[in-house]
Amino acid sequence: MNQCPLCKNIETKLFLSKVNLVYETEFSLLECPECGVIYFDPMPSEEELERFYSGSYFNFSRWHDEAKGYLYAKKLTKIKKEGNFLDVGSALGFFIYGIKQNSKWNVFGNEFGNDAVVYSTNKLGLNVKEGELQKAGYPDKFFDYIHVNNVLEHVRDPKTLLLECKRIIKNDGYFFLSVPNGFNDSRNIIDFYNSEKLSARSISGHLYFFQKQTLLKLFKEIGFEIVYKKTGSIKRGMRNIGYLPKKKNWKKDYFPKTSPEEIKETKIIVTDEKKYSDLYYKYRYFQSKFHDVPGLHNFGLDFIFLLRPKLEK
């Protein structure tokens, strides 16, 4: 009998669609009636995930992330003059490098991609560990701030990741979590399947789709309390659920591959050329947050939380 990977409920799951990850793969998209999580069944193998993430996944400009790090450094300094900061899913490390260069905080990273870990440690001199967070071996109550941005939906065991964050965060620490709104994020996959009667190719590689009730139950069970909750990516979210018209060619990226994935260049290429001023990159970061609204709303694509450990009374 199918068991929910999150809450272990064994009741019959709601079938939503078929979904494709890489060439000649097919999974069911199921919804748990108990906790509301939507997920791939079965979970893709490590080999399938490696095929999906092959290629120049981390090749992008550094300047946006460094600007975000600069602004985050100012925010952190208002909390404490110095502390320990962890970025889970640290990519090439430019975000935490920006924090390191502009504050007295100690920065740490955790990343699955070997090439990204090598780059961030060798090129930027950062302390970044490779692999699953629970295998990194951080001490109990070590971090003053943990940052998990668009990572939870990609991992095969998200609950264990959250439990590890709870173990390693200080009692007075802050936990930032950004995760797609599962109700909204799954709409195009389901709409494509119902329309085309074909397994919809996953563009994002998201293995889990967390609805708001799922997240609230998780936080309560694990022991986090909410400082604030927001909804972001409003325009994209409204397109997904039909409040705004979808783009005319929205289906094209969802058709499954008809041939094996090409072997792509895996070498990391970092563009050092700065096309715009520092002020521009800082402005773009603020602009991306300008339309966030308080609360959790299904018309938005992203949920944003600031959490703190809930202390036992």
Foldseek 3Di string as FASTA:
>chain_A
DDADLAPRDPPDWAWQFWAAAFPPDIWTFTADPPQGKTFTPPFDDPVSVCLNCFAQNQADALLLLLLLLLVVLVVVCVVPQEWEEEEEQCFLPSNVLSNVVRGRYQYEYEHADPLSVCNNCVVVVHHYYHDQPVPPDAAFQGGQEYEYEADLQQDPRNLVNVLVVNGRHHQNHKYKYKYWALVQVCQVQSVLCVVVVAHWYDPPNGRMHHHPSNVVVSCVVSAKDFPFKKFFQLVSSQCSVVVDPHPPPVRPNGHHDPDGDDRYDHNHDYDPDDPDDSVVSNVVVCVRCVPIDTDDDSSGTMMITMIGGHDDD
